[in-house]
Amino acid sequence: MSRATQGVSNREFVRILRSQVEEYLRAVDEWETTYRKFYRVRGSDKAVSPDMVEPDRRYREARKKLEKLIPEARRLSYRYAVRDVWPGFMRSSLGRYAPQTRTVSAISRSERAAVTESLARLAAACEEEERSQEWKREEPEHGWLQRVFGRFFG
């Protein structure tokens, strides 16, 4: 886990991850909206134009925060057998096409839906695990002889 999420339950981590994903998607949408305002030539220069400075800063900050959470998100995805959507989700590049030639988002609706579904499944799996752990704690402890007897005759 990253430093920001050490000592946090899986359920709480998924909540943090969900809020970071929402922040990242808002930053992507804001970046793309600003990018489409003016006619631009694809890849004309690597410098950020003055109108793109603030959206670009927010996008980079949101991406940086989310990238720190991805290893733990992938670990949880493998642990709970949830589809691992994170590598493809983070591979999107902004400004690859000129705004006049492409109107769809760099992160497609299907990618957004896959991430949303993955987050929902992770949240459900974490909640189920916590419930089962509570149930195990409520179960009374038995001695080894009672466990053996219960195993064969219970």
Foldseek 3Di string as FASTA:
>chain_A
DDPVCPPHALLVLLVVLVVLVVQLVVLQVVLLVQQLPDWDQQCPDPDDDPSNVVSVVSNVVSLVVNVRSLVVLVVLCVVLVHDRLPVVQSPFDPRRHTSVVDPAGSQHPVSVVSVVVSSVSSNVVSVVVVVVVVVVVVDDDDDPVVVVCVVVPD
